Amino acid sequence: MRAALYLEDGTLLEGTSFGAEGARVGEVVFNTGMTGYQELLSDPSYCGQIVTMTYPLIGNYGIARDDFESKRPAVFGMVVRRYEEVPSNWRARYTLGDTLKEFGIIGISGVDTRLLTRKIRSHGTMKGIIATGDVSVGELRERLEAEELFKDHVARVSTKSVYGVSGDGERIVLMDFGSKSGILRDLAHRGCDVVVVPHDATPEQVLRYCPDGVLLSNGPGDPKQVPQAVKTIRALLGKVPIFGICLGHQLLALACGADTEKLKFGHRGGNHPVKELATGRCYITSQNHGYTVTESSLAGTGLVVTHINNNDGTVEGLRHESLPAFSVQYHPEASPGPYDNRHLFDEFLDMARTFWANQPRTPRQAAFAQSARKG
């Protein structure tokens, strides 16, 4: 079936449909990864976006059940140069096209993705509409102009109720702004007792679980669209160790009084170089974000830059000078991408142990003592 991608600057790109039928308006972005299309497809951070894959061949290893990063994909569309209908992979259970159809996601192949990527790099991410069938340019333009970009991203992908993964180690409250399963896996691998709470959890609700640490997850969209989370994080600072990832990194910065801004075309892929300032070491990182912390706004916040992006110099890591809190813009859990940065989970747990070693009791010890008194 015929498919088309129409951009707000009037560009029309035509191709062949390989997913669901229909039409969807979203933000057109590009991802530079050579592999990992399944993980990015199921990454909640892509909510509201039409993703262009720069690698030309997509679908060649199919879809494996165990590689999903969420229960339901949140992307609005996928654009590829060539779609492979017959995957070659013993782990594959489904084709990419069948998966897109199952979850109502439109895919278009046969597009000059190099041209599209260069356009986005030159002019920035753009609003676009992806559609199947014989739809005229006039109809595409009319719907694109009439429909606003989806904004309530975090509420759409965050958990609606509290759930947990039991463990014998530190209790970590994971604030879910669109968390990938990889974060939960890394915490569980370290024996953590994890409690996952919705994005709008209050400070009182978070502290009720007596956490040894709070992890602020990744998520989609503009961090300024979740002001309740900023207030919650601000109230938690100094009371419990905090680690922020991606959107969580930006929310921590806002909570400390810094500012964020939209990037021209963002960072998306599993091959972005990041420099650790303390050592000069370069890490290859997995990234997916369209906003960044404004470095000039950090003065007086207590935050210092720990990592920068080697490509454009933007802020990739922060640490508070006096409070137990740090964050990174990239994804230490990878999935997809290299596992170079998994040590950050260990640093978070070490920070939590050091913090509570200097307190009379850990949160859980205090809770147990209170329960014993009541008993």
Foldseek 3Di string as FASTA:
>chain_A
DKKWKAFPVGDIWIFDKLAAAFKDKAKEAEAAALDQPQALQQQLQQARYAYEYPNAEPFQAADAPVLHFHPAGRHQEYEHADYDQDHDHPRHDGTPRHNRHVRVHIYGYNTPSVVVNVVCVVQFITMMMMHDDPDDSVRRNVVSVVDDGDAPSQVVQWDPAKDWDAFDDFEEEEERSRATVLVVVLCVVVRYTYIYGYNLDALVRVCVVQGLEYEYGAHYDDLVVRVSNLVRLLVCWQVHAYEYEASRQVSNCVNLPFDKDFDRRFHAYQAWWKAFVVVRDIDGFGADYGMATDVVRCPPSQKDAGMATPPPGTGAKIAGNPTNYIYGNTDCSPSPYDNPRSCVVVVSVVSSVVVQVPPPHRSVVVVVVVVVVVD
